[in-house]
N, C-alpha and C. Protein backbone atom coordinates (compact mmCIF):
# COMPACT_ATOMS: atom_id res chain seq x y z
N MET A 1 51.58 7.60 -31.60
CA MET A 1 50.57 6.71 -32.16
C MET A 1 49.29 6.85 -31.33
N ASN A 2 48.19 7.15 -32.03
CA ASN A 2 46.92 7.31 -31.34
C ASN A 2 46.24 5.96 -31.12
N MET A 3 45.68 5.80 -29.95
CA MET A 3 44.96 4.56 -29.64
C MET A 3 43.46 4.86 -29.69
N ILE A 4 42.73 4.11 -30.50
CA ILE A 4 41.29 4.28 -30.62
C ILE A 4 40.61 3.17 -29.83
N VAL A 5 39.80 3.56 -28.86
CA VAL A 5 39.09 2.57 -28.05
C VAL A 5 37.64 2.53 -28.48
N ASN A 6 37.16 1.35 -28.85
CA ASN A 6 35.78 1.19 -29.28
C ASN A 6 34.92 0.74 -28.10
N PHE A 7 34.13 1.67 -27.54
CA PHE A 7 33.27 1.33 -26.42
C PHE A 7 31.93 0.82 -26.95
N ASN A 8 31.67 -0.45 -26.82
CA ASN A 8 30.37 -0.97 -27.19
C ASN A 8 29.41 -0.87 -26.01
N GLN A 9 28.16 -1.33 -26.20
CA GLN A 9 27.15 -1.19 -25.15
C GLN A 9 27.55 -1.93 -23.88
N GLN A 10 28.22 -3.06 -24.04
CA GLN A 10 28.64 -3.82 -22.86
C GLN A 10 29.64 -3.02 -22.03
N ASN A 11 30.57 -2.33 -22.71
CA ASN A 11 31.53 -1.49 -22.00
C ASN A 11 30.81 -0.40 -21.21
N VAL A 12 29.81 0.22 -21.85
CA VAL A 12 29.07 1.29 -21.22
C VAL A 12 28.36 0.78 -19.97
N GLU A 13 27.74 -0.40 -20.08
CA GLU A 13 27.02 -0.96 -18.94
C GLU A 13 27.98 -1.28 -17.79
N ILE A 14 29.18 -1.75 -18.12
CA ILE A 14 30.17 -2.06 -17.08
C ILE A 14 30.57 -0.79 -16.35
N ILE A 15 30.80 0.29 -17.11
CA ILE A 15 31.16 1.57 -16.52
C ILE A 15 30.04 2.08 -15.63
N LYS A 16 28.79 1.99 -16.12
CA LYS A 16 27.65 2.42 -15.33
C LYS A 16 27.56 1.62 -14.04
N GLN A 17 27.77 0.31 -14.15
CA GLN A 17 27.71 -0.55 -12.97
C GLN A 17 28.75 -0.12 -11.93
N GLN A 18 29.96 0.18 -12.41
CA GLN A 18 31.02 0.60 -11.50
C GLN A 18 30.67 1.93 -10.83
N GLU A 19 30.04 2.85 -11.59
CA GLU A 19 29.66 4.14 -11.04
C GLU A 19 28.61 3.96 -9.95
N TRP A 20 27.60 3.10 -10.21
CA TRP A 20 26.55 2.88 -9.23
C TRP A 20 27.10 2.24 -7.96
N GLU A 21 28.07 1.32 -8.14
CA GLU A 21 28.66 0.66 -6.97
C GLU A 21 29.42 1.66 -6.10
N ARG A 22 30.02 2.66 -6.77
CA ARG A 22 30.76 3.67 -6.01
C ARG A 22 29.80 4.63 -5.31
N LYS A 23 28.73 5.00 -6.00
CA LYS A 23 27.82 5.99 -5.45
C LYS A 23 26.40 5.74 -5.96
N PRO A 24 25.58 5.08 -5.17
CA PRO A 24 24.18 4.86 -5.55
C PRO A 24 23.48 6.19 -5.81
N ILE A 25 22.52 6.18 -6.69
CA ILE A 25 21.85 7.42 -7.10
C ILE A 25 20.39 7.40 -6.67
N PHE A 26 19.98 8.43 -5.94
CA PHE A 26 18.59 8.63 -5.56
C PHE A 26 18.26 10.09 -5.80
N SER A 27 17.19 10.35 -6.54
CA SER A 27 16.84 11.75 -6.80
C SER A 27 15.34 11.88 -7.05
N CYS A 28 14.86 13.10 -6.88
CA CYS A 28 13.45 13.41 -7.13
C CYS A 28 13.38 14.78 -7.79
N SER A 29 12.66 14.87 -8.89
CA SER A 29 12.57 16.14 -9.61
C SER A 29 11.21 16.24 -10.31
N THR A 30 10.95 17.41 -10.88
CA THR A 30 9.79 17.54 -11.74
C THR A 30 10.02 16.69 -12.99
N LEU A 31 8.95 16.42 -13.72
CA LEU A 31 9.09 15.58 -14.91
C LEU A 31 9.91 16.28 -15.99
N PRO A 32 11.04 15.71 -16.40
CA PRO A 32 11.80 16.30 -17.51
C PRO A 32 10.96 16.27 -18.78
N GLU A 33 11.17 17.22 -19.65
CA GLU A 33 10.38 17.33 -20.87
C GLU A 33 10.48 16.07 -21.72
N GLU A 34 11.69 15.47 -21.80
CA GLU A 34 11.84 14.28 -22.63
C GLU A 34 11.08 13.09 -22.04
N ILE A 35 10.95 13.04 -20.72
CA ILE A 35 10.18 11.97 -20.08
C ILE A 35 8.70 12.17 -20.37
N GLN A 36 8.22 13.43 -20.25
CA GLN A 36 6.83 13.73 -20.56
C GLN A 36 6.49 13.32 -21.99
N ASN A 37 7.38 13.64 -22.91
CA ASN A 37 7.14 13.32 -24.32
C ASN A 37 7.06 11.81 -24.53
N ASP A 38 7.89 11.06 -23.80
CA ASP A 38 7.88 9.61 -23.94
C ASP A 38 6.62 9.01 -23.32
N MET A 39 6.06 9.66 -22.32
CA MET A 39 4.86 9.17 -21.65
C MET A 39 3.60 9.40 -22.46
N LYS A 40 3.60 10.43 -23.32
CA LYS A 40 2.40 10.79 -24.08
C LYS A 40 1.96 9.64 -24.99
N GLY A 41 0.68 9.33 -24.90
CA GLY A 41 0.13 8.24 -25.71
C GLY A 41 0.35 6.88 -25.09
N LYS A 42 1.04 6.85 -23.94
CA LYS A 42 1.29 5.59 -23.23
C LYS A 42 0.70 5.71 -21.83
N SER A 43 1.55 5.94 -20.82
CA SER A 43 1.01 6.09 -19.46
C SER A 43 0.27 7.41 -19.30
N LEU A 44 0.46 8.32 -20.25
CA LEU A 44 -0.18 9.63 -20.22
C LEU A 44 -0.99 9.83 -21.51
N PRO A 45 -2.17 9.20 -21.60
CA PRO A 45 -2.97 9.31 -22.83
C PRO A 45 -3.52 10.72 -23.01
N GLU A 46 -4.02 11.00 -24.21
CA GLU A 46 -4.50 12.34 -24.53
C GLU A 46 -5.64 12.79 -23.62
N ASN A 47 -6.46 11.84 -23.15
CA ASN A 47 -7.61 12.20 -22.32
C ASN A 47 -7.29 12.26 -20.83
N ALA A 48 -6.02 12.16 -20.48
CA ALA A 48 -5.63 12.13 -19.06
C ALA A 48 -6.00 13.44 -18.37
N GLN A 49 -6.78 13.33 -17.30
CA GLN A 49 -7.18 14.51 -16.53
C GLN A 49 -6.23 14.68 -15.34
N ILE A 50 -4.99 15.00 -15.65
CA ILE A 50 -4.00 15.20 -14.61
C ILE A 50 -2.98 16.23 -15.07
N ASP A 51 -2.58 17.08 -14.15
CA ASP A 51 -1.58 18.10 -14.44
C ASP A 51 -0.21 17.47 -14.23
N THR A 52 0.62 17.45 -15.26
CA THR A 52 1.94 16.82 -15.14
C THR A 52 2.82 17.52 -14.10
N GLU A 53 2.45 18.76 -13.73
CA GLU A 53 3.20 19.43 -12.67
C GLU A 53 2.99 18.75 -11.32
N ASN A 54 1.96 17.91 -11.24
CA ASN A 54 1.69 17.18 -10.00
C ASN A 54 2.41 15.84 -9.95
N LEU A 55 3.25 15.57 -10.94
CA LEU A 55 3.98 14.31 -10.98
C LEU A 55 5.47 14.54 -10.76
N ALA A 56 6.11 13.58 -10.10
CA ALA A 56 7.54 13.65 -9.83
C ALA A 56 8.26 12.50 -10.53
N TYR A 57 9.47 12.79 -10.99
CA TYR A 57 10.33 11.79 -11.62
C TYR A 57 11.38 11.38 -10.61
N VAL A 58 11.34 10.10 -10.23
CA VAL A 58 12.23 9.60 -9.18
C VAL A 58 13.19 8.57 -9.75
N THR A 59 14.48 8.73 -9.45
CA THR A 59 15.46 7.73 -9.84
C THR A 59 15.98 7.06 -8.58
N VAL A 60 16.17 5.75 -8.65
CA VAL A 60 16.57 4.98 -7.47
C VAL A 60 17.61 3.92 -7.82
N SER A 61 18.42 3.58 -6.86
CA SER A 61 19.32 2.44 -6.97
C SER A 61 18.69 1.28 -6.20
N TYR A 62 18.88 0.07 -6.69
CA TYR A 62 18.30 -1.09 -6.02
C TYR A 62 19.10 -2.34 -6.37
N TYR A 63 18.96 -3.36 -5.53
CA TYR A 63 19.61 -4.64 -5.79
C TYR A 63 18.65 -5.56 -6.54
N GLY A 64 19.11 -6.06 -7.68
CA GLY A 64 18.28 -6.95 -8.47
C GLY A 64 18.30 -8.38 -7.96
N PHE A 65 17.59 -9.24 -8.63
CA PHE A 65 17.58 -10.65 -8.27
C PHE A 65 18.97 -11.26 -8.48
N ASP A 66 19.79 -10.58 -9.28
CA ASP A 66 21.16 -11.05 -9.52
C ASP A 66 22.12 -10.57 -8.43
N GLU A 67 21.57 -9.89 -7.41
CA GLU A 67 22.34 -9.36 -6.28
C GLU A 67 23.32 -8.26 -6.69
N LYS A 68 23.12 -7.69 -7.87
CA LYS A 68 23.94 -6.58 -8.34
C LYS A 68 23.14 -5.29 -8.25
N LEU A 69 23.88 -4.18 -8.24
CA LEU A 69 23.24 -2.88 -8.13
C LEU A 69 22.72 -2.43 -9.50
N HIS A 70 21.51 -1.90 -9.52
CA HIS A 70 20.89 -1.41 -10.75
C HIS A 70 20.31 -0.03 -10.51
N GLN A 71 20.05 0.67 -11.60
CA GLN A 71 19.44 1.99 -11.51
C GLN A 71 18.06 1.94 -12.16
N GLY A 72 17.07 2.51 -11.46
CA GLY A 72 15.71 2.49 -11.98
C GLY A 72 15.07 3.87 -11.95
N GLU A 73 13.88 3.95 -12.53
CA GLU A 73 13.14 5.20 -12.56
C GLU A 73 11.66 4.90 -12.35
N ILE A 74 10.99 5.80 -11.67
CA ILE A 74 9.58 5.61 -11.36
C ILE A 74 8.91 6.98 -11.28
N VAL A 75 7.66 7.07 -11.72
CA VAL A 75 6.91 8.32 -11.68
C VAL A 75 5.80 8.18 -10.64
N VAL A 76 5.69 9.18 -9.76
CA VAL A 76 4.67 9.18 -8.70
C VAL A 76 4.14 10.60 -8.53
N HIS A 77 3.15 10.76 -7.67
CA HIS A 77 2.65 12.10 -7.37
C HIS A 77 3.75 12.89 -6.68
N GLN A 78 3.82 14.18 -6.99
CA GLN A 78 4.92 15.01 -6.45
C GLN A 78 4.89 15.10 -4.93
N LYS A 79 3.71 14.94 -4.32
CA LYS A 79 3.65 14.96 -2.85
C LYS A 79 4.27 13.72 -2.22
N LEU A 80 4.46 12.68 -3.03
CA LEU A 80 5.02 11.43 -2.52
C LEU A 80 6.45 11.18 -3.00
N GLY A 81 6.96 12.06 -3.84
CA GLY A 81 8.26 11.85 -4.46
C GLY A 81 9.40 11.62 -3.48
N GLU A 82 9.58 12.53 -2.55
CA GLU A 82 10.68 12.40 -1.59
C GLU A 82 10.50 11.19 -0.69
N GLU A 83 9.25 10.88 -0.38
CA GLU A 83 8.97 9.71 0.46
C GLU A 83 9.31 8.42 -0.27
N VAL A 84 9.03 8.39 -1.55
CA VAL A 84 9.37 7.20 -2.36
C VAL A 84 10.89 7.03 -2.43
N VAL A 85 11.62 8.13 -2.52
CA VAL A 85 13.08 8.07 -2.46
C VAL A 85 13.52 7.42 -1.15
N GLU A 86 12.93 7.84 -0.04
CA GLU A 86 13.27 7.29 1.27
C GLU A 86 12.98 5.79 1.32
N ILE A 87 11.84 5.39 0.77
CA ILE A 87 11.46 3.97 0.78
C ILE A 87 12.49 3.14 0.02
N PHE A 88 12.86 3.58 -1.17
CA PHE A 88 13.80 2.81 -1.97
C PHE A 88 15.21 2.86 -1.39
N LYS A 89 15.56 3.95 -0.71
CA LYS A 89 16.85 3.99 -0.01
C LYS A 89 16.89 2.92 1.07
N GLU A 90 15.78 2.79 1.79
CA GLU A 90 15.70 1.80 2.85
C GLU A 90 15.80 0.38 2.28
N LEU A 91 15.13 0.13 1.16
CA LEU A 91 15.19 -1.19 0.53
C LEU A 91 16.58 -1.47 -0.02
N TYR A 92 17.24 -0.43 -0.53
CA TYR A 92 18.62 -0.56 -1.01
C TYR A 92 19.55 -0.94 0.15
N GLU A 93 19.39 -0.25 1.27
CA GLU A 93 20.25 -0.52 2.43
C GLU A 93 20.05 -1.93 2.97
N LYS A 94 18.84 -2.45 2.84
CA LYS A 94 18.54 -3.80 3.32
C LYS A 94 18.79 -4.85 2.23
N LYS A 95 19.20 -4.37 1.03
CA LYS A 95 19.44 -5.24 -0.12
C LYS A 95 18.22 -6.09 -0.47
N TYR A 96 17.06 -5.46 -0.35
CA TYR A 96 15.83 -6.16 -0.70
C TYR A 96 15.79 -6.37 -2.21
N PRO A 97 15.55 -7.61 -2.68
CA PRO A 97 15.62 -7.91 -4.11
C PRO A 97 14.41 -7.40 -4.90
N ILE A 98 14.69 -6.58 -5.89
CA ILE A 98 13.66 -6.09 -6.81
C ILE A 98 14.20 -6.36 -8.22
N GLU A 99 13.40 -7.02 -9.04
CA GLU A 99 13.96 -7.41 -10.34
C GLU A 99 14.12 -6.24 -11.31
N LYS A 100 13.09 -5.39 -11.44
CA LYS A 100 13.16 -4.25 -12.36
C LYS A 100 12.40 -3.07 -11.79
N VAL A 101 12.89 -1.87 -12.09
CA VAL A 101 12.16 -0.64 -11.76
C VAL A 101 12.23 0.24 -13.00
N GLU A 102 11.22 0.13 -13.85
CA GLU A 102 11.17 0.88 -15.10
C GLU A 102 9.82 1.56 -15.25
N ARG A 103 9.81 2.69 -15.91
CA ARG A 103 8.52 3.31 -16.22
C ARG A 103 7.71 2.36 -17.09
N ILE A 104 6.41 2.30 -16.84
CA ILE A 104 5.56 1.37 -17.58
C ILE A 104 5.48 1.73 -19.07
N ASP A 105 5.96 2.92 -19.41
CA ASP A 105 6.03 3.32 -20.82
C ASP A 105 6.94 2.39 -21.62
N GLN A 106 7.91 1.75 -20.94
CA GLN A 106 8.80 0.80 -21.62
C GLN A 106 8.01 -0.41 -22.12
N TYR A 107 6.77 -0.55 -21.62
CA TYR A 107 5.90 -1.66 -22.02
C TYR A 107 4.62 -1.12 -22.67
N ASP A 108 4.74 0.08 -23.26
CA ASP A 108 3.61 0.76 -23.91
C ASP A 108 2.42 0.91 -22.97
N ALA A 109 2.72 1.06 -21.67
CA ALA A 109 1.69 1.24 -20.64
C ALA A 109 0.75 0.04 -20.56
N ASN A 110 1.22 -1.12 -21.02
CA ASN A 110 0.43 -2.34 -20.93
C ASN A 110 0.73 -3.02 -19.60
N ASP A 111 -0.25 -3.01 -18.71
CA ASP A 111 -0.03 -3.50 -17.35
C ASP A 111 0.33 -4.99 -17.33
N VAL A 112 -0.30 -5.77 -18.18
CA VAL A 112 -0.02 -7.21 -18.22
C VAL A 112 1.43 -7.47 -18.64
N LYS A 113 1.88 -6.77 -19.69
CA LYS A 113 3.26 -6.94 -20.15
C LYS A 113 4.25 -6.54 -19.07
N SER A 114 3.95 -5.45 -18.37
CA SER A 114 4.83 -4.97 -17.31
C SER A 114 4.89 -5.97 -16.16
N MET A 115 3.74 -6.52 -15.79
CA MET A 115 3.70 -7.49 -14.70
C MET A 115 4.45 -8.77 -15.09
N GLU A 116 4.22 -9.24 -16.31
CA GLU A 116 4.86 -10.48 -16.74
C GLU A 116 6.38 -10.32 -16.82
N ALA A 117 6.84 -9.08 -17.03
CA ALA A 117 8.28 -8.80 -17.05
C ALA A 117 8.81 -8.58 -15.63
N ASN A 118 7.93 -8.71 -14.65
CA ASN A 118 8.28 -8.50 -13.24
C ASN A 118 8.82 -7.10 -12.99
N ASN A 119 8.15 -6.14 -13.59
CA ASN A 119 8.57 -4.75 -13.47
C ASN A 119 7.81 -4.03 -12.37
N SER A 120 8.54 -3.40 -11.47
CA SER A 120 7.94 -2.59 -10.41
C SER A 120 7.72 -1.18 -10.95
N SER A 121 6.48 -0.69 -10.86
CA SER A 121 6.18 0.59 -11.50
C SER A 121 5.20 1.41 -10.66
N GLY A 122 5.02 2.67 -11.06
CA GLY A 122 4.16 3.58 -10.34
C GLY A 122 3.05 4.13 -11.20
N PHE A 123 3.21 5.39 -11.64
CA PHE A 123 2.15 6.09 -12.37
C PHE A 123 1.78 5.43 -13.68
N CYS A 124 0.47 5.31 -13.92
CA CYS A 124 -0.08 4.93 -15.22
C CYS A 124 -1.54 5.36 -15.21
N TYR A 125 -1.90 6.23 -16.11
CA TYR A 125 -3.27 6.74 -16.14
C TYR A 125 -4.19 5.68 -16.73
N ARG A 126 -4.86 4.94 -15.85
CA ARG A 126 -5.72 3.84 -16.28
C ARG A 126 -6.82 3.60 -15.26
N LEU A 127 -7.81 2.81 -15.69
CA LEU A 127 -8.92 2.46 -14.82
C LEU A 127 -8.59 1.22 -14.02
N VAL A 128 -9.30 1.04 -12.90
CA VAL A 128 -9.23 -0.22 -12.17
C VAL A 128 -9.84 -1.27 -13.08
N GLU A 129 -9.16 -2.40 -13.23
CA GLU A 129 -9.60 -3.47 -14.12
C GLU A 129 -11.07 -3.82 -13.86
N GLY A 130 -11.88 -3.80 -14.95
CA GLY A 130 -13.28 -4.19 -14.86
C GLY A 130 -14.21 -3.13 -14.30
N THR A 131 -13.72 -1.88 -14.16
CA THR A 131 -14.55 -0.80 -13.62
C THR A 131 -14.39 0.46 -14.47
N ASN A 132 -15.17 1.48 -14.12
CA ASN A 132 -15.03 2.80 -14.75
C ASN A 132 -14.35 3.77 -13.79
N ARG A 133 -13.70 3.23 -12.77
CA ARG A 133 -13.07 4.04 -11.73
C ARG A 133 -11.57 4.14 -11.96
N LEU A 134 -11.04 5.35 -11.81
CA LEU A 134 -9.61 5.55 -11.99
C LEU A 134 -8.82 4.82 -10.91
N SER A 135 -7.76 4.16 -11.32
CA SER A 135 -6.86 3.50 -10.38
C SER A 135 -6.05 4.55 -9.63
N ASN A 136 -5.58 4.20 -8.44
CA ASN A 136 -4.66 5.10 -7.73
C ASN A 136 -3.35 5.26 -8.48
N HIS A 137 -3.05 4.34 -9.39
CA HIS A 137 -1.87 4.50 -10.25
C HIS A 137 -2.05 5.74 -11.15
N ALA A 138 -3.31 6.03 -11.52
CA ALA A 138 -3.60 7.19 -12.37
C ALA A 138 -3.36 8.50 -11.64
N LYS A 139 -3.32 8.43 -10.31
CA LYS A 139 -3.06 9.62 -9.50
C LYS A 139 -1.59 9.69 -9.07
N GLY A 140 -0.83 8.65 -9.40
CA GLY A 140 0.56 8.61 -8.97
C GLY A 140 0.69 8.24 -7.50
N CYS A 141 -0.35 7.60 -6.95
CA CYS A 141 -0.38 7.29 -5.52
C CYS A 141 -0.30 5.80 -5.25
N ALA A 142 0.21 5.02 -6.20
CA ALA A 142 0.32 3.57 -6.01
C ALA A 142 1.60 3.06 -6.67
N ILE A 143 2.16 2.03 -6.06
CA ILE A 143 3.37 1.40 -6.58
C ILE A 143 3.20 -0.11 -6.48
N ASP A 144 3.57 -0.81 -7.56
CA ASP A 144 3.56 -2.28 -7.56
C ASP A 144 5.00 -2.78 -7.48
N ILE A 145 5.24 -3.74 -6.61
CA ILE A 145 6.59 -4.28 -6.40
C ILE A 145 6.62 -5.77 -6.76
N ASN A 146 7.59 -6.14 -7.61
CA ASN A 146 7.77 -7.54 -8.01
C ASN A 146 6.44 -8.22 -8.34
N PRO A 147 5.69 -7.72 -9.33
CA PRO A 147 4.34 -8.23 -9.59
C PRO A 147 4.28 -9.70 -10.00
N LEU A 148 5.36 -10.24 -10.55
CA LEU A 148 5.33 -11.65 -10.94
C LEU A 148 5.22 -12.56 -9.72
N GLN A 149 5.98 -12.25 -8.68
CA GLN A 149 5.95 -13.05 -7.45
C GLN A 149 4.81 -12.64 -6.51
N ASN A 150 4.15 -11.52 -6.85
CA ASN A 150 3.12 -10.98 -5.96
C ASN A 150 1.86 -10.63 -6.75
N PRO A 151 1.16 -11.65 -7.23
CA PRO A 151 0.00 -11.42 -8.09
C PRO A 151 -1.23 -10.90 -7.34
N GLN A 152 -2.19 -10.45 -8.12
CA GLN A 152 -3.50 -10.15 -7.58
C GLN A 152 -4.35 -11.41 -7.71
N ILE A 153 -5.14 -11.71 -6.70
CA ILE A 153 -6.03 -12.87 -6.76
C ILE A 153 -7.44 -12.38 -6.55
N LYS A 154 -8.22 -12.38 -7.62
CA LYS A 154 -9.58 -11.83 -7.57
C LYS A 154 -10.58 -12.92 -7.90
N ASN A 155 -11.43 -13.24 -6.94
CA ASN A 155 -12.42 -14.30 -7.11
C ASN A 155 -11.78 -15.60 -7.56
N GLY A 156 -10.61 -15.88 -7.00
CA GLY A 156 -9.92 -17.12 -7.28
C GLY A 156 -9.10 -17.13 -8.55
N ILE A 157 -9.12 -16.03 -9.31
CA ILE A 157 -8.36 -15.93 -10.57
C ILE A 157 -7.08 -15.14 -10.32
N VAL A 158 -5.96 -15.64 -10.82
CA VAL A 158 -4.65 -15.04 -10.58
C VAL A 158 -4.27 -14.10 -11.74
N TYR A 159 -3.86 -12.89 -11.40
CA TYR A 159 -3.38 -11.91 -12.37
C TYR A 159 -1.97 -11.45 -11.99
N PRO A 160 -1.00 -11.53 -12.89
CA PRO A 160 -1.10 -12.13 -14.22
C PRO A 160 -1.18 -13.65 -14.14
N SER A 161 -1.72 -14.27 -15.18
CA SER A 161 -1.95 -15.72 -15.15
C SER A 161 -0.65 -16.51 -15.01
N VAL A 162 0.47 -15.93 -15.49
CA VAL A 162 1.76 -16.64 -15.40
C VAL A 162 2.26 -16.73 -13.96
N SER A 163 1.58 -16.04 -13.04
CA SER A 163 1.99 -16.05 -11.63
C SER A 163 1.24 -17.09 -10.80
N GLU A 164 0.60 -18.03 -11.48
CA GLU A 164 -0.23 -19.03 -10.80
C GLU A 164 0.52 -19.70 -9.64
N LYS A 165 1.79 -20.06 -9.88
CA LYS A 165 2.52 -20.80 -8.84
C LYS A 165 2.81 -19.96 -7.60
N PHE A 166 2.68 -18.63 -7.73
CA PHE A 166 2.94 -17.76 -6.58
C PHE A 166 1.67 -17.44 -5.78
N ALA A 167 0.55 -18.02 -6.20
CA ALA A 167 -0.70 -17.78 -5.48
C ALA A 167 -0.66 -18.40 -4.10
N ASN A 168 0.05 -19.50 -3.97
CA ASN A 168 0.22 -20.15 -2.66
C ASN A 168 1.31 -19.42 -1.90
N ARG A 169 0.93 -18.63 -0.92
CA ARG A 169 1.89 -17.79 -0.22
C ARG A 169 2.70 -18.56 0.82
N GLU A 170 2.39 -19.84 0.97
CA GLU A 170 3.17 -20.68 1.89
C GLU A 170 4.52 -21.03 1.27
N ASN A 171 4.58 -21.05 -0.05
CA ASN A 171 5.81 -21.39 -0.76
C ASN A 171 6.63 -20.12 -0.95
N ARG A 172 7.62 -19.91 -0.11
CA ARG A 172 8.39 -18.68 -0.14
C ARG A 172 9.40 -18.67 -1.28
N GLU A 173 9.39 -17.59 -2.03
CA GLU A 173 10.31 -17.41 -3.16
C GLU A 173 10.92 -16.01 -3.07
N LYS A 174 12.09 -15.84 -3.67
CA LYS A 174 12.74 -14.52 -3.71
C LYS A 174 11.78 -13.48 -4.31
N GLY A 175 11.66 -12.34 -3.63
CA GLY A 175 10.84 -11.26 -4.15
C GLY A 175 9.40 -11.28 -3.70
N MET A 176 8.98 -12.35 -3.01
CA MET A 176 7.61 -12.42 -2.51
C MET A 176 7.46 -11.55 -1.27
N ILE A 177 6.39 -10.75 -1.24
CA ILE A 177 6.15 -9.85 -0.11
C ILE A 177 5.29 -10.56 0.92
N GLU A 178 5.66 -10.42 2.18
CA GLU A 178 4.84 -10.93 3.26
C GLU A 178 4.72 -9.89 4.36
N LYS A 179 3.65 -9.97 5.10
CA LYS A 179 3.41 -9.00 6.17
C LYS A 179 4.58 -9.00 7.15
N GLY A 180 5.10 -7.81 7.42
CA GLY A 180 6.19 -7.67 8.38
C GLY A 180 7.57 -7.67 7.78
N ASP A 181 7.71 -7.99 6.48
CA ASP A 181 9.05 -8.02 5.89
C ASP A 181 9.54 -6.60 5.59
N ALA A 182 10.73 -6.49 5.01
CA ALA A 182 11.36 -5.18 4.83
C ALA A 182 10.56 -4.23 3.95
N VAL A 183 10.03 -4.74 2.83
CA VAL A 183 9.29 -3.86 1.92
C VAL A 183 7.95 -3.48 2.55
N TYR A 184 7.32 -4.40 3.23
CA TYR A 184 6.06 -4.11 3.93
C TYR A 184 6.29 -2.99 4.95
N GLN A 185 7.31 -3.13 5.76
CA GLN A 185 7.59 -2.14 6.80
C GLN A 185 7.95 -0.78 6.22
N ALA A 186 8.72 -0.78 5.13
CA ALA A 186 9.15 0.48 4.54
C ALA A 186 7.97 1.32 4.07
N PHE A 187 6.95 0.67 3.53
CA PHE A 187 5.75 1.39 3.08
C PHE A 187 4.78 1.67 4.22
N ILE A 188 4.46 0.64 5.00
CA ILE A 188 3.41 0.76 6.02
C ILE A 188 3.73 1.81 7.07
N LYS A 189 4.98 1.88 7.51
CA LYS A 189 5.31 2.86 8.57
C LYS A 189 5.23 4.30 8.08
N ARG A 190 5.11 4.46 6.75
CA ARG A 190 4.96 5.81 6.19
C ARG A 190 3.51 6.07 5.77
N GLY A 191 2.61 5.21 6.23
CA GLY A 191 1.19 5.46 6.00
C GLY A 191 0.60 4.86 4.74
N TRP A 192 1.35 4.00 4.05
CA TRP A 192 0.83 3.35 2.86
C TRP A 192 0.01 2.13 3.28
N LYS A 193 -0.88 1.68 2.40
CA LYS A 193 -1.66 0.47 2.62
C LYS A 193 -1.19 -0.61 1.65
N TRP A 194 -1.26 -1.85 2.10
CA TRP A 194 -0.82 -2.99 1.30
C TRP A 194 -2.02 -3.78 0.79
N GLY A 195 -2.04 -3.99 -0.53
CA GLY A 195 -3.13 -4.74 -1.13
C GLY A 195 -3.17 -6.20 -0.72
N GLY A 196 -2.08 -6.69 -0.16
CA GLY A 196 -2.04 -8.09 0.28
C GLY A 196 -2.97 -8.37 1.44
N GLU A 197 -3.50 -7.30 2.07
CA GLU A 197 -4.39 -7.47 3.21
C GLU A 197 -5.86 -7.29 2.83
N TRP A 198 -6.11 -7.16 1.52
CA TRP A 198 -7.48 -6.99 1.07
C TRP A 198 -8.20 -8.33 0.95
N LYS A 199 -9.54 -8.29 0.86
CA LYS A 199 -10.34 -9.50 0.69
C LYS A 199 -9.93 -10.23 -0.57
N ASN A 200 -9.80 -9.48 -1.67
CA ASN A 200 -9.22 -10.01 -2.92
C ASN A 200 -7.79 -9.48 -2.97
N PRO A 201 -6.83 -10.22 -2.43
CA PRO A 201 -5.47 -9.68 -2.26
C PRO A 201 -4.77 -9.29 -3.55
N ASP A 202 -4.06 -8.18 -3.47
CA ASP A 202 -3.22 -7.70 -4.56
C ASP A 202 -1.83 -7.52 -3.93
N TYR A 203 -1.07 -8.61 -3.92
CA TYR A 203 0.16 -8.67 -3.12
C TYR A 203 1.25 -7.71 -3.58
N GLN A 204 1.23 -7.30 -4.83
CA GLN A 204 2.26 -6.40 -5.36
C GLN A 204 2.00 -4.94 -4.99
N HIS A 205 0.79 -4.60 -4.58
CA HIS A 205 0.27 -3.24 -4.58
C HIS A 205 0.40 -2.52 -3.23
N PHE A 206 0.97 -1.30 -3.30
CA PHE A 206 0.97 -0.38 -2.16
C PHE A 206 0.38 0.94 -2.63
N GLU A 207 -0.42 1.57 -1.78
CA GLU A 207 -1.03 2.85 -2.16
C GLU A 207 -1.14 3.76 -0.95
N LYS A 208 -1.27 5.05 -1.23
CA LYS A 208 -1.40 6.03 -0.15
C LYS A 208 -2.31 7.16 -0.57
N GLU A 209 -3.24 7.50 0.30
CA GLU A 209 -4.13 8.64 0.04
C GLU A 209 -3.38 9.93 0.34
N ILE A 210 -3.61 10.96 -0.49
CA ILE A 210 -2.97 12.26 -0.26
C ILE A 210 -4.01 13.38 -0.24
């Protein structure tokens, strides 16, 4: 008698969870063709002045706010790919809580939607808000971590607006970045700069010149 097992999506997720718990996954590679195709018209618009060969596709394991292991993906400049793997390995080892690590294409490259979903992301070919200057995200040289708990505060205005309660950095909450903590150290000791130290602080933002 043959037994037919119906694996639904929940079964698949359980199996994936068990696999990640056995062996966390960290990798860095050139952009797979299917990823490039998904990025087109989103984080990679038609007018993007960047060679996709200069971008790296990084997969990482991390602990979510639920204290469970998750798998994420992030796109950065290829010169920073291996270093980003090292950073996320360090955060994984310290069990630093990160809610989501998804390509911003999952949010149609809409930065506000990605921030409101508390998604940590890297590459997105876009301008600095309110300017004609390319963001370091457009170069693959910037990463935002837990943007909901770590908003940008510009001229007293909080971005995203739903992060108003996190503007007061005295009120410590899970996922909030502060100078000297694990995520700060993981980036800063490798030569990255933290937006939280700027005149108009951008607490989610880390960047590195290459």
